[in-house]
Amino acid sequence: MKIKLNNCKLKKYTQLWLLEYFALEVTARSAANLLDIHPNTAALFYKKIRQIISFHLALQASEVFDGCIELDENYFGILKRGGNVYTVVIEDTKISTLMPVITRKIAPGSSLYRYI
């Protein structure tokens, strides 16, 4: 099964710029201002990009991380030092939301580093 961006009414040119801005960590609001589109349109596009990334990474998500692990709930990531990454889209950054993800993906005894 593939998940991809379908039925997007934005011009390809605009989509490519939004993707570029997303990769450069430009906020959706700033990208919308630069492209002269509605901020909600840019925010929805960014959300769809995150969902696509999450879906594709979930396909490879069977690995349990161990050792030194960096947690970053600012956006949606768990990063293992040394280059492996697991990301998940979450509703909020409350402990009750994060703990099931952490216990499922990180081996007991690992060293956790949290960045905010």
PDB file of N, CA and C in Angstrom:
ATOM      1  N   MET A   1       0.838  -1.185   0.000  1.00  0.00           N
ATOM      2  CA  MET A   1       0.000   0.000   0.000  1.00  0.00           C
ATOM      3  C   MET A   1       0.875   1.237   0.000  1.00  0.00           C
ATOM      4  N   LYS A   2       0.520   2.197  -0.819  1.00  0.00           N
ATOM      5  CA  LYS A   2       1.243   3.457  -0.881  1.00  0.00           C
ATOM      6  C   LYS A   2       0.347   4.567  -0.375  1.00  0.00           C
ATOM      7  N   ILE A   3       0.961   5.508   0.272  1.00  0.00           N
ATOM      8  CA  ILE A   3       0.245   6.723   0.641  1.00  0.00           C
ATOM      9  C   ILE A   3       1.002   7.872   0.000  1.00  0.00           C
ATOM     10  N   LYS A   4       0.259   8.722  -0.661  1.00  0.00           N
ATOM     11  CA  LYS A   4       0.892   9.857  -1.323  1.00  0.00           C
ATOM     12  C   LYS A   4      -0.083  11.019  -1.360  1.00  0.00           C
ATOM     13  N   LEU A   5       0.401  12.131  -1.814  1.00  0.00           N
ATOM     14  CA  LEU A   5      -0.399  13.343  -1.888  1.00  0.00           C
ATOM     15  C   LEU A   5      -1.276  13.273  -3.129  1.00  0.00           C
ATOM     16  N   ASN A   6      -2.574  13.092  -2.931  1.00  0.00           N
ATOM     17  CA  ASN A   6      -3.531  13.006  -4.027  1.00  0.00           C
ATOM     18  C   ASN A   6      -4.483  14.188  -3.994  1.00  0.00           C
ATOM     19  N   ASN A   7      -5.040  14.468  -5.131  1.00  0.00           N
ATOM     20  CA  ASN A   7      -6.101  15.467  -5.243  1.00  0.00           C
ATOM     21  C   ASN A   7      -5.732  16.826  -4.664  1.00  0.00           C
ATOM     22  N   CYS A   8      -4.491  17.193  -4.760  1.00  0.00           N
ATOM     23  CA  CYS A   8      -4.059  18.507  -4.283  1.00  0.00           C
ATOM     24  C   CYS A   8      -4.379  19.532  -5.360  1.00  0.00           C
ATOM     25  N   LYS A   9      -5.088  20.577  -4.983  1.00  0.00           N
ATOM     26  CA  LYS A   9      -5.517  21.592  -5.948  1.00  0.00           C
ATOM     27  C   LYS A   9      -4.459  22.666  -6.179  1.00  0.00           C
ATOM     28  N   LEU A  10      -3.374  22.593  -5.415  1.00  0.00           N
ATOM     29  CA  LEU A  10      -2.299  23.560  -5.602  1.00  0.00           C
ATOM     30  C   LEU A  10      -1.522  23.239  -6.872  1.00  0.00           C
ATOM     31  N   LYS A  11      -1.005  24.263  -7.509  1.00  0.00           N
ATOM     32  CA  LYS A  11      -0.164  24.060  -8.689  1.00  0.00           C
ATOM     33  C   LYS A  11       1.097  23.318  -8.272  1.00  0.00           C
ATOM     34  N   LYS A  12       1.636  22.512  -9.174  1.00  0.00           N
ATOM     35  CA  LYS A  12       2.859  21.745  -8.889  1.00  0.00           C
ATOM     36  C   LYS A  12       3.980  22.667  -8.424  1.00  0.00           C
ATOM     37  N   TYR A  13       4.076  23.818  -9.051  1.00  0.00           N
ATOM     38  CA  TYR A  13       5.083  24.804  -8.672  1.00  0.00           C
ATOM     39  C   TYR A  13       4.956  25.168  -7.197  1.00  0.00           C
ATOM     40  N   THR A  14       3.728  25.433  -6.755  1.00  0.00           N
ATOM     41  CA  THR A  14       3.472  25.804  -5.359  1.00  0.00           C
ATOM     42  C   THR A  14       3.763  24.625  -4.434  1.00  0.00           C
ATOM     43  N   GLN A  15       3.365  23.426  -4.841  1.00  0.00           N
ATOM     44  CA  GLN A  15       3.639  22.236  -4.043  1.00  0.00           C
ATOM     45  C   GLN A  15       5.137  22.038  -3.847  1.00  0.00           C
ATOM     46  N   LEU A  16       5.900  22.213  -4.915  1.00  0.00           N
ATOM     47  CA  LEU A  16       7.356  22.034  -4.816  1.00  0.00           C
ATOM     48  C   LEU A  16       7.976  23.079  -3.883  1.00  0.00           C
ATOM     49  N   TRP A  17       7.501  24.314  -3.954  1.00  0.00           N
ATOM     50  CA  TRP A  17       8.019  25.342  -3.052  1.00  0.00           C
ATOM     51  C   TRP A  17       7.650  25.042  -1.609  1.00  0.00           C
ATOM     52  N   LEU A  18       6.408  24.589  -1.391  1.00  0.00           N
ATOM     53  CA  LEU A  18       5.999  24.237  -0.033  1.00  0.00           C
ATOM     54  C   LEU A  18       6.850  23.093   0.508  1.00  0.00           C
ATOM     55  N   LEU A  19       7.126  22.114  -0.323  1.00  0.00           N
ATOM     56  CA  LEU A  19       7.982  21.004   0.096  1.00  0.00           C
ATOM     57  C   LEU A  19       9.391  21.495   0.427  1.00  0.00           C
ATOM     58  N   GLU A  20       9.899  22.395  -0.387  1.00  0.00           N
ATOM     59  CA  GLU A  20      11.223  22.986  -0.132  1.00  0.00           C
ATOM     60  C   GLU A  20      11.232  23.748   1.196  1.00  0.00           C
ATOM     61  N   TYR A  21      10.209  24.553   1.427  1.00  0.00           N
ATOM     62  CA  TYR A  21      10.119  25.305   2.676  1.00  0.00           C
ATOM     63  C   TYR A  21       9.967  24.373   3.877  1.00  0.00           C
ATOM     64  N   PHE A  22       9.203  23.312   3.704  1.00  0.00           N
ATOM     65  CA  PHE A  22       9.050  22.323   4.773  1.00  0.00           C
ATOM     66  C   PHE A  22      10.413  21.731   5.139  1.00  0.00           C
ATOM     67  N   ALA A  23      11.181  21.333   4.126  1.00  0.00           N
ATOM     68  CA  ALA A  23      12.503  20.745   4.359  1.00  0.00           C
ATOM     69  C   ALA A  23      13.456  21.748   5.007  1.00  0.00           C
ATOM     70  N   LEU A  24      13.279  23.024   4.721  1.00  0.00           N
ATOM     71  CA  LEU A  24      14.129  24.061   5.301  1.00  0.00           C
ATOM     72  C   LEU A  24      13.616  24.544   6.656  1.00  0.00           C
ATOM     73  N   GLU A  25      12.540  23.915   7.160  1.00  0.00           N
ATOM     74  CA  GLU A  25      11.937  24.233   8.453  1.00  0.00           C
ATOM     75  C   GLU A  25      11.352  25.641   8.513  1.00  0.00           C
ATOM     76  N   VAL A  26      10.882  26.116   7.366  1.00  0.00           N
ATOM     77  CA  VAL A  26      10.154  27.378   7.325  1.00  0.00           C
ATOM     78  C   VAL A  26       8.745  27.088   7.836  1.00  0.00           C
ATOM     79  N   THR A  27       8.207  27.924   8.691  1.00  0.00           N
ATOM     80  CA  THR A  27       6.866  27.679   9.210  1.00  0.00           C
ATOM     81  C   THR A  27       5.844  27.741   8.083  1.00  0.00           C
ATOM     82  N   ALA A  28       4.732  27.063   8.291  1.00  0.00           N
ATOM     83  CA  ALA A  28       3.667  27.070   7.290  1.00  0.00           C
ATOM     84  C   ALA A  28       3.156  28.490   7.053  1.00  0.00           C
ATOM     85  N   ARG A  29       3.034  29.254   8.120  1.00  0.00           N
ATOM     86  CA  ARG A  29       2.550  30.636   7.975  1.00  0.00           C
ATOM     87  C   ARG A  29       3.519  31.468   7.136  1.00  0.00           C
ATOM     88  N   SER A  30       4.809  31.330   7.385  1.00  0.00           N
ATOM     89  CA  SER A  30       5.794  32.083   6.600  1.00  0.00           C
ATOM     90  C   SER A  30       5.804  31.614   5.146  1.00  0.00           C
ATOM     91  N   ALA A  31       5.702  30.308   4.939  1.00  0.00           N
ATOM     92  CA  ALA A  31       5.650  29.774   3.571  1.00  0.00           C
ATOM     93  C   ALA A  31       4.423  30.310   2.845  1.00  0.00           C
ATOM     94  N   ALA A  32       3.291  30.367   3.548  1.00  0.00           N
ATOM     95  CA  ALA A  32       2.069  30.900   2.949  1.00  0.00           C
ATOM     96  C   ALA A  32       2.262  32.362   2.540  1.00  0.00           C
ATOM     97  N   ASN A  33       2.898  33.138   3.395  1.00  0.00           N
ATOM     98  CA  ASN A  33       3.166  34.542   3.073  1.00  0.00           C
ATOM     99  C   ASN A  33       4.064  34.665   1.855  1.00  0.00           C
ATOM    100  N   LEU A  34       5.099  33.840   1.783  1.00  0.00           N
ATOM    101  CA  LEU A  34       6.030  33.887   0.654  1.00  0.00           C
ATOM    102  C   LEU A  34       5.363  33.498  -0.660  1.00  0.00           C
ATOM    103  N   LEU A  35       4.420  32.556  -0.592  1.00  0.00           N
ATOM    104  CA  LEU A  35       3.770  32.047  -1.799  1.00  0.00           C
ATOM    105  C   LEU A  35       2.415  32.707  -2.076  1.00  0.00           C
ATOM    106  N   ASP A  36       2.030  33.613  -1.202  1.00  0.00           N
ATOM    107  CA  ASP A  36       0.757  34.320  -1.332  1.00  0.00           C
ATOM    108  C   ASP A  36      -0.425  33.351  -1.414  1.00  0.00           C
ATOM    109  N   ILE A  37      -0.451  32.403  -0.450  1.00  0.00           N
ATOM    110  CA  ILE A  37      -1.578  31.481  -0.321  1.00  0.00           C
ATOM    111  C   ILE A  37      -2.116  31.589   1.100  1.00  0.00           C
ATOM    112  N   HIS A  38      -3.276  31.025   1.338  1.00  0.00           N
ATOM    113  CA  HIS A  38      -3.892  31.095   2.660  1.00  0.00           C
ATOM    114  C   HIS A  38      -3.063  30.276   3.656  1.00  0.00           C
ATOM    115  N   PRO A  39      -2.832  30.780   4.859  1.00  0.00           N
ATOM    116  CA  PRO A  39      -2.048  30.044   5.856  1.00  0.00           C
ATOM    117  C   PRO A  39      -2.606  28.646   6.168  1.00  0.00           C
ATOM    118  N   ASN A  40      -3.927  28.495   6.166  1.00  0.00           N
ATOM    119  CA  ASN A  40      -4.507  27.178   6.421  1.00  0.00           C
ATOM    120  C   ASN A  40      -4.167  26.179   5.320  1.00  0.00           C
ATOM    121  N   THR A  41      -4.034  26.669   4.094  1.00  0.00           N
ATOM    122  CA  THR A  41      -3.657  25.806   2.974  1.00  0.00           C
ATOM    123  C   THR A  41      -2.243  25.265   3.185  1.00  0.00           C
ATOM    124  N   ALA A  42      -1.343  26.150   3.570  1.00  0.00           N
ATOM    125  CA  ALA A  42       0.041  25.726   3.819  1.00  0.00           C
ATOM    126  C   ALA A  42       0.109  24.781   5.014  1.00  0.00           C
ATOM    127  N   ALA A  43      -0.643  25.077   6.065  1.00  0.00           N
ATOM    128  CA  ALA A  43      -0.643  24.218   7.253  1.00  0.00           C
ATOM    129  C   ALA A  43      -1.174  22.827   6.914  1.00  0.00           C
ATOM    130  N   LEU A  44      -2.223  22.756   6.126  1.00  0.00           N
ATOM    131  CA  LEU A  44      -2.768  21.463   5.717  1.00  0.00           C
ATOM    132  C   LEU A  44      -1.769  20.696   4.867  1.00  0.00           C
ATOM    133  N   PHE A  45      -1.092  21.380   3.963  1.00  0.00           N
ATOM    134  CA  PHE A  45      -0.066  20.735   3.135  1.00  0.00           C
ATOM    135  C   PHE A  45       1.053  20.184   4.010  1.00  0.00           C
ATOM    136  N   TYR A  46       1.520  20.969   4.977  1.00  0.00           N
ATOM    137  CA  TYR A  46       2.558  20.512   5.900  1.00  0.00           C
ATOM    138  C   TYR A  46       2.079  19.289   6.681  1.00  0.00           C
ATOM    139  N   LYS A  47       0.826  19.317   7.133  1.00  0.00           N
ATOM    140  CA  LYS A  47       0.286  18.173   7.873  1.00  0.00           C
ATOM    141  C   LYS A  47       0.279  16.926   7.018  1.00  0.00           C
ATOM    142  N   LYS A  48      -0.101  17.068   5.755  1.00  0.00           N
ATOM    143  CA  LYS A  48      -0.120  15.919   4.844  1.00  0.00           C
ATOM    144  C   LYS A  48       1.293  15.380   4.611  1.00  0.00           C
ATOM    145  N   ILE A  49       2.257  16.279   4.488  1.00  0.00           N
ATOM    146  CA  ILE A  49       3.648  15.837   4.334  1.00  0.00           C
ATOM    147  C   ILE A  49       4.086  15.023   5.555  1.00  0.00           C
ATOM    148  N   ARG A  50       3.763  15.509   6.755  1.00  0.00           N
ATOM    149  CA  ARG A  50       4.122  14.787   7.979  1.00  0.00           C
ATOM    150  C   ARG A  50       3.450  13.415   8.031  1.00  0.00           C
ATOM    151  N   GLN A  51       2.194  13.340   7.600  1.00  0.00           N
ATOM    152  CA  GLN A  51       1.485  12.063   7.589  1.00  0.00           C
ATOM    153  C   GLN A  51       2.117  11.082   6.602  1.00  0.00           C
ATOM    154  N   ILE A  52       2.526  11.568   5.449  1.00  0.00           N
ATOM    155  CA  ILE A  52       3.184  10.715   4.462  1.00  0.00           C
ATOM    156  C   ILE A  52       4.511  10.203   5.008  1.00  0.00           C
ATOM    157  N   ILE A  53       5.286  11.090   5.607  1.00  0.00           N
ATOM    158  CA  ILE A  53       6.564  10.688   6.210  1.00  0.00           C
ATOM    159  C   ILE A  53       6.325   9.650   7.297  1.00  0.00           C
ATOM    160  N   SER A  54       5.365   9.915   8.153  1.00  0.00           N
ATOM    161  CA  SER A  54       5.050   8.993   9.247  1.00  0.00           C
ATOM    162  C   SER A  54       4.646   7.626   8.717  1.00  0.00           C
ATOM    163  N   PHE A  55       3.806   7.593   7.705  1.00  0.00           N
ATOM    164  CA  PHE A  55       3.352   6.326   7.126  1.00  0.00           C
ATOM    165  C   PHE A  55       4.527   5.514   6.604  1.00  0.00           C
ATOM    166  N   HIS A  56       5.383   6.147   5.828  1.00  0.00           N
ATOM    167  CA  HIS A  56       6.508   5.420   5.232  1.00  0.00           C
ATOM    168  C   HIS A  56       7.525   4.966   6.285  1.00  0.00           C
ATOM    169  N   LEU A  57       7.725   5.765   7.298  1.00  0.00           N
ATOM    170  CA  LEU A  57       8.644   5.358   8.359  1.00  0.00           C
ATOM    171  C   LEU A  57       8.048   4.257   9.230  1.00  0.00           C
ATOM    172  N   ALA A  58       6.732   4.250   9.373  1.00  0.00           N
ATOM    173  CA  ALA A  58       6.076   3.197  10.158  1.00  0.00           C
ATOM    174  C   ALA A  58       6.264   1.829   9.510  1.00  0.00           C
ATOM    175  N   LEU A  59       6.428   1.806   8.207  1.00  0.00           N
ATOM    176  CA  LEU A  59       6.671   0.540   7.516  1.00  0.00           C
ATOM    177  C   LEU A  59       7.982  -0.103   7.962  1.00  0.00           C
ATOM    178  N   GLN A  60       8.918   0.732   8.415  1.00  0.00           N
ATOM    179  CA  GLN A  60      10.225   0.256   8.861  1.00  0.00           C
ATOM    180  C   GLN A  60      10.375   0.360  10.377  1.00  0.00           C
ATOM    181  N   ALA A  61       9.274   0.431  11.089  1.00  0.00           N
ATOM    182  CA  ALA A  61       9.299   0.777  12.508  1.00  0.00           C
ATOM    183  C   ALA A  61       9.446  -0.407  13.459  1.00  0.00           C
ATOM    184  N   SER A  62       9.769  -1.565  12.972  1.00  0.00           N
ATOM    185  CA  SER A  62       9.844  -2.713  13.875  1.00  0.00           C
ATOM    186  C   SER A  62      11.089  -2.688  14.764  1.00  0.00           C
ATOM    187  N   GLU A  63      12.072  -1.902  14.410  1.00  0.00           N
ATOM    188  CA  GLU A  63      13.303  -1.815  15.197  1.00  0.00           C
ATOM    189  C   GLU A  63      13.040  -1.167  16.551  1.00  0.00           C
ATOM    190  N   VAL A  64      13.582  -1.750  17.605  1.00  0.00           N
ATOM    191  CA  VAL A  64      13.540  -1.161  18.936  1.00  0.00           C
ATOM    192  C   VAL A  64      14.902  -0.515  19.170  1.00  0.00           C
ATOM    193  N   PHE A  65      14.899   0.748  19.546  1.00  0.00           N
ATOM    194  CA  PHE A  65      16.138   1.480  19.767  1.00  0.00           C
ATOM    195  C   PHE A  65      16.696   1.178  21.147  1.00  0.00           C
ATOM    196  N   ASP A  66      18.021   1.205  21.239  1.00  0.00           N
ATOM    197  CA  ASP A  66      18.685   1.046  22.530  1.00  0.00           C
ATOM    198  C   ASP A  66      19.924   1.922  22.546  1.00  0.00           C
ATOM    199  N   GLY A  67      20.533   2.032  23.694  1.00  0.00           N
ATOM    200  CA  GLY A  67      21.714   2.870  23.819  1.00  0.00           C
ATOM    201  C   GLY A  67      21.346   4.299  24.173  1.00  0.00           C
ATOM    202  N   CYS A  68      21.995   5.269  23.526  1.00  0.00           N
ATOM    203  CA  CYS A  68      21.726   6.693  23.754  1.00  0.00           C
ATOM    204  C   CYS A  68      20.679   7.169  22.758  1.00  0.00           C
ATOM    205  N   ILE A  69      19.557   7.619  23.274  1.00  0.00           N
ATOM    206  CA  ILE A  69      18.425   8.019  22.447  1.00  0.00           C
ATOM    207  C   ILE A  69      18.070   9.467  22.729  1.00  0.00           C
ATOM    208  N   GLU A  70      17.855  10.259  21.661  1.00  0.00           N
ATOM    209  CA  GLU A  70      17.385  11.637  21.810  1.00  0.00           C
ATOM    210  C   GLU A  70      15.895  11.661  21.532  1.00  0.00           C
ATOM    211  N   LEU A  71      15.142  12.314  22.409  1.00  0.00           N
ATOM    212  CA  LEU A  71      13.708  12.500  22.222  1.00  0.00           C
ATOM    213  C   LEU A  71      13.453  13.952  21.871  1.00  0.00           C
ATOM    214  N   ASP A  72      12.619  14.168  20.885  1.00  0.00           N
ATOM    215  CA  ASP A  72      12.271  15.527  20.492  1.00  0.00           C
ATOM    216  C   ASP A  72      10.789  15.578  20.202  1.00  0.00           C
ATOM    217  N   GLU A  73      10.000  16.090  21.147  1.00  0.00           N
ATOM    218  CA  GLU A  73       8.565  16.152  20.947  1.00  0.00           C
ATOM    219  C   GLU A  73       8.119  17.494  20.393  1.00  0.00           C
ATOM    220  N   ASN A  74       9.055  18.370  20.043  1.00  0.00           N
ATOM    221  CA  ASN A  74       8.665  19.648  19.449  1.00  0.00           C
ATOM    222  C   ASN A  74       7.856  19.442  18.179  1.00  0.00           C
ATOM    223  N   TYR A  75       8.259  18.508  17.406  1.00  0.00           N
ATOM    224  CA  TYR A  75       7.529  18.212  16.191  1.00  0.00           C
ATOM    225  C   TYR A  75       6.979  16.809  16.277  1.00  0.00           C
ATOM    226  N   PHE A  76       7.832  15.804  16.035  1.00  0.00           N
ATOM    227  CA  PHE A  76       7.294  14.460  16.062  1.00  0.00           C
ATOM    228  C   PHE A  76       8.375  13.395  16.018  1.00  0.00           C
ATOM    229  N   GLY A  77       9.520  13.591  16.637  1.00  0.00           N
ATOM    230  CA  GLY A  77      10.591  12.658  16.401  1.00  0.00           C
ATOM    231  C   GLY A  77      11.177  11.977  17.601  1.00  0.00           C
ATOM    232  N   ILE A  78      11.716  10.820  17.315  1.00  0.00           N
ATOM    233  CA  ILE A  78      12.608  10.121  18.242  1.00  0.00           C
ATOM    234  C   ILE A  78      13.856   9.838  17.430  1.00  0.00           C
ATOM    235  N   LEU A  79      15.001  10.250  17.923  1.00  0.00           N
ATOM    236  CA  LEU A  79      16.233  10.115  17.170  1.00  0.00           C
ATOM    237  C   LEU A  79      17.231   9.278  17.952  1.00  0.00           C
ATOM    238  N   LYS A  80      17.756   8.250  17.325  1.00  0.00           N
ATOM    239  CA  LYS A  80      18.814   7.467  17.937  1.00  0.00           C
ATOM    240  C   LYS A  80      20.136   8.070  17.503  1.00  0.00           C
ATOM    241  N   ARG A  81      21.005   8.313  18.461  1.00  0.00           N
ATOM    242  CA  ARG A  81      22.322   8.819  18.100  1.00  0.00           C
ATOM    243  C   ARG A  81      22.986   7.809  17.179  1.00  0.00           C
ATOM    244  N   GLY A  82      23.586   8.295  16.132  1.00  0.00           N
ATOM    245  CA  GLY A  82      24.189   7.406  15.161  1.00  0.00           C
ATOM    246  C   GLY A  82      23.386   7.366  13.865  1.00  0.00           C
ATOM    247  N   GLY A  83      22.251   8.058  13.832  1.00  0.00           N
ATOM    248  CA  GLY A  83      21.599   8.236  12.554  1.00  0.00           C
ATOM    249  C   GLY A  83      20.237   7.616  12.335  1.00  0.00           C
ATOM    250  N   ASN A  84      19.820   6.624  13.096  1.00  0.00           N
ATOM    251  CA  ASN A  84      18.505   6.036  12.876  1.00  0.00           C
ATOM    252  C   ASN A  84      17.430   6.933  13.457  1.00  0.00           C
ATOM    253  N   VAL A  85      16.327   7.063  12.727  1.00  0.00           N
ATOM    254  CA  VAL A  85      15.263   7.957  13.149  1.00  0.00           C
ATOM    255  C   VAL A  85      13.932   7.233  13.108  1.00  0.00           C
ATOM    256  N   TYR A  86      13.092   7.493  14.107  1.00  0.00           N
ATOM    257  CA  TYR A  86      11.709   7.040  14.102  1.00  0.00           C
ATOM    258  C   TYR A  86      10.857   8.256  14.391  1.00  0.00           C
ATOM    259  N   THR A  87       9.858   8.478  13.572  1.00  0.00           N
ATOM    260  CA  THR A  87       8.969   9.601  13.803  1.00  0.00           C
ATOM    261  C   THR A  87       7.536   9.109  13.859  1.00  0.00           C
ATOM    262  N   VAL A  88       6.732   9.868  14.575  1.00  0.00           N
ATOM    263  CA  VAL A  88       5.316   9.547  14.672  1.00  0.00           C
ATOM    264  C   VAL A  88       4.550  10.840  14.880  1.00  0.00           C
ATOM    265  N   VAL A  89       3.423  10.969  14.186  1.00  0.00           N
ATOM    266  CA  VAL A  89       2.559  12.118  14.393  1.00  0.00           C
ATOM    267  C   VAL A  89       1.729  11.842  15.634  1.00  0.00           C
ATOM    268  N   ILE A  90       1.746  12.788  16.578  1.00  0.00           N
ATOM    269  CA  ILE A  90       1.006  12.620  17.833  1.00  0.00           C
ATOM    270  C   ILE A  90       0.050  13.786  18.020  1.00  0.00           C
ATOM    271  N   GLU A  91      -0.964  13.546  18.811  1.00  0.00           N
ATOM    272  CA  GLU A  91      -1.979  14.570  19.053  1.00  0.00           C
ATOM    273  C   GLU A  91      -1.458  15.711  19.923  1.00  0.00           C
ATOM    274  N   ASP A  92      -0.623  15.365  20.905  1.00  0.00           N
ATOM    275  CA  ASP A  92      -0.092  16.362  21.827  1.00  0.00           C
ATOM    276  C   ASP A  92       1.189  15.809  22.428  1.00  0.00           C
ATOM    277  N   THR A  93       1.834  16.582  23.265  1.00  0.00           N
ATOM    278  CA  THR A  93       3.093  16.144  23.871  1.00  0.00           C
ATOM    279  C   THR A  93       2.935  15.811  25.345  1.00  0.00           C
ATOM    280  N   LYS A  94       1.740  15.423  25.732  1.00  0.00           N
ATOM    281  CA  LYS A  94       1.497  15.015  27.112  1.00  0.00           C
ATOM    282  C   LYS A  94       2.176  13.675  27.378  1.00  0.00           C
ATOM    283  N   ILE A  95       2.580  13.460  28.595  1.00  0.00           N
ATOM    284  CA  ILE A  95       3.253  12.221  28.980  1.00  0.00           C
ATOM    285  C   ILE A  95       2.384  11.002  28.684  1.00  0.00           C
ATOM    286  N   SER A  96       1.071  11.130  28.864  1.00  0.00           N
ATOM    287  CA  SER A  96       0.169  10.001  28.604  1.00  0.00           C
ATOM    288  C   SER A  96       0.127   9.644  27.121  1.00  0.00           C
ATOM    289  N   THR A  97       0.456  10.580  26.253  1.00  0.00           N
ATOM    290  CA  THR A  97       0.520  10.316  24.818  1.00  0.00           C
ATOM    291  C   THR A  97       1.891   9.770  24.426  1.00  0.00           C
ATOM    292  N   LEU A  98       2.932  10.333  25.018  1.00  0.00           N
ATOM    293  CA  LEU A  98       4.299   9.958  24.633  1.00  0.00           C
ATOM    294  C   LEU A  98       4.757   8.610  25.199  1.00  0.00           C
ATOM    295  N   MET A  99       4.358   8.287  26.412  1.00  0.00           N
ATOM    296  CA  MET A  99       4.883   7.081  27.061  1.00  0.00           C
ATOM    297  C   MET A  99       4.612   5.783  26.289  1.00  0.00           C
ATOM    298  N   PRO A 100       3.427   5.567  25.725  1.00  0.00           N
ATOM    299  CA  PRO A 100       3.230   4.333  24.958  1.00  0.00           C
ATOM    300  C   PRO A 100       4.193   4.224  23.759  1.00  0.00           C
ATOM    301  N   VAL A 101       4.472   5.344  23.118  1.00  0.00           N
ATOM    302  CA  VAL A 101       5.417   5.347  21.994  1.00  0.00           C
ATOM    303  C   VAL A 101       6.819   5.046  22.497  1.00  0.00           C
ATOM    304  N   ILE A 102       7.197   5.678  23.590  1.00  0.00           N
ATOM    305  CA  ILE A 102       8.541   5.487  24.142  1.00  0.00           C
ATOM    306  C   ILE A 102       8.750   4.052  24.599  1.00  0.00           C
ATOM    307  N   THR A 103       7.797   3.484  25.307  1.00  0.00           N
ATOM    308  CA  THR A 103       7.967   2.117  25.815  1.00  0.00           C
ATOM    309  C   THR A 103       7.933   1.083  24.691  1.00  0.00           C
ATOM    310  N   ARG A 104       7.251   1.397  23.609  1.00  0.00           N
ATOM    311  CA  ARG A 104       7.188   0.467  22.477  1.00  0.00           C
ATOM    312  C   ARG A 104       8.469   0.508  21.637  1.00  0.00           C
ATOM    313  N   LYS A 105       9.123   1.667  21.546  1.00  0.00           N
ATOM    314  CA  LYS A 105      10.246   1.847  20.635  1.00  0.00           C
ATOM    315  C   LYS A 105      11.618   1.849  21.281  1.00  0.00           C
ATOM    316  N   ILE A 106      11.694   1.983  22.601  1.00  0.00           N
ATOM    317  CA  ILE A 106      12.994   2.122  23.248  1.00  0.00           C
ATOM    318  C   ILE A 106      13.191   0.997  24.250  1.00  0.00           C
ATOM    319  N   ALA A 107      14.308   0.311  24.119  1.00  0.00           N
ATOM    320  CA  ALA A 107      14.621  -0.810  25.010  1.00  0.00           C
ATOM    321  C   ALA A 107      14.868  -0.314  26.430  1.00  0.00           C
ATOM    322  N   PRO A 108      14.433  -1.100  27.426  1.00  0.00           N
ATOM    323  CA  PRO A 108      14.717  -0.744  28.818  1.00  0.00           C
ATOM    324  C   PRO A 108      16.230  -0.604  29.044  1.00  0.00           C
ATOM    325  N   GLY A 109      16.598   0.330  29.881  1.00  0.00           N
ATOM    326  CA  GLY A 109      18.008   0.549  30.186  1.00  0.00           C
ATOM    327  C   GLY A 109      18.696   1.534  29.254  1.00  0.00           C
ATOM    328  N   SER A 110      17.998   2.031  28.258  1.00  0.00           N
ATOM    329  CA  SER A 110      18.595   3.002  27.331  1.00  0.00           C
ATOM    330  C   SER A 110      18.747   4.350  28.023  1.00  0.00           C
ATOM    331  N   SER A 111      19.700   5.144  27.563  1.00  0.00           N
ATOM    332  CA  SER A 111      19.887   6.510  28.073  1.00  0.00           C
ATOM    333  C   SER A 111      19.085   7.449  27.191  1.00  0.00           C
ATOM    334  N   LEU A 112      18.199   8.233  27.805  1.00  0.00           N
ATOM    335  CA  LEU A 112      17.324   9.130  27.066  1.00  0.00           C
ATOM    336  C   LEU A 112      17.766  10.570  27.269  1.00  0.00           C
ATOM    337  N   TYR A 113      17.783  11.309  26.164  1.00  0.00           N
ATOM    338  CA  TYR A 113      18.079  12.737  26.190  1.00  0.00           C
ATOM    339  C   TYR A 113      16.897  13.434  25.571  1.00  0.00           C
ATOM    340  N   ARG A 114      16.364  14.451  26.224  1.00  0.00           N
ATOM    341  CA  ARG A 114      15.173  15.148  25.763  1.00  0.00           C
ATOM    342  C   ARG A 114      15.554  16.574  25.373  1.00  0.00           C
ATOM    343  N   TYR A 115      15.138  16.972  24.181  1.00  0.00           N
ATOM    344  CA  TYR A 115      15.383  18.330  23.706  1.00  0.00           C
ATOM    345  C   TYR A 115      14.052  19.001  23.452  1.00  0.00           C
ATOM    346  N   ILE A 116      13.930  20.243  23.928  1.00  0.00           N
ATOM    347  CA  ILE A 116      12.700  21.011  23.680  1.00  0.00           C
ATOM    348  C   ILE A 116      13.040  22.353  23.084  1.00  0.00           C
TER     349      ILE A 116
END
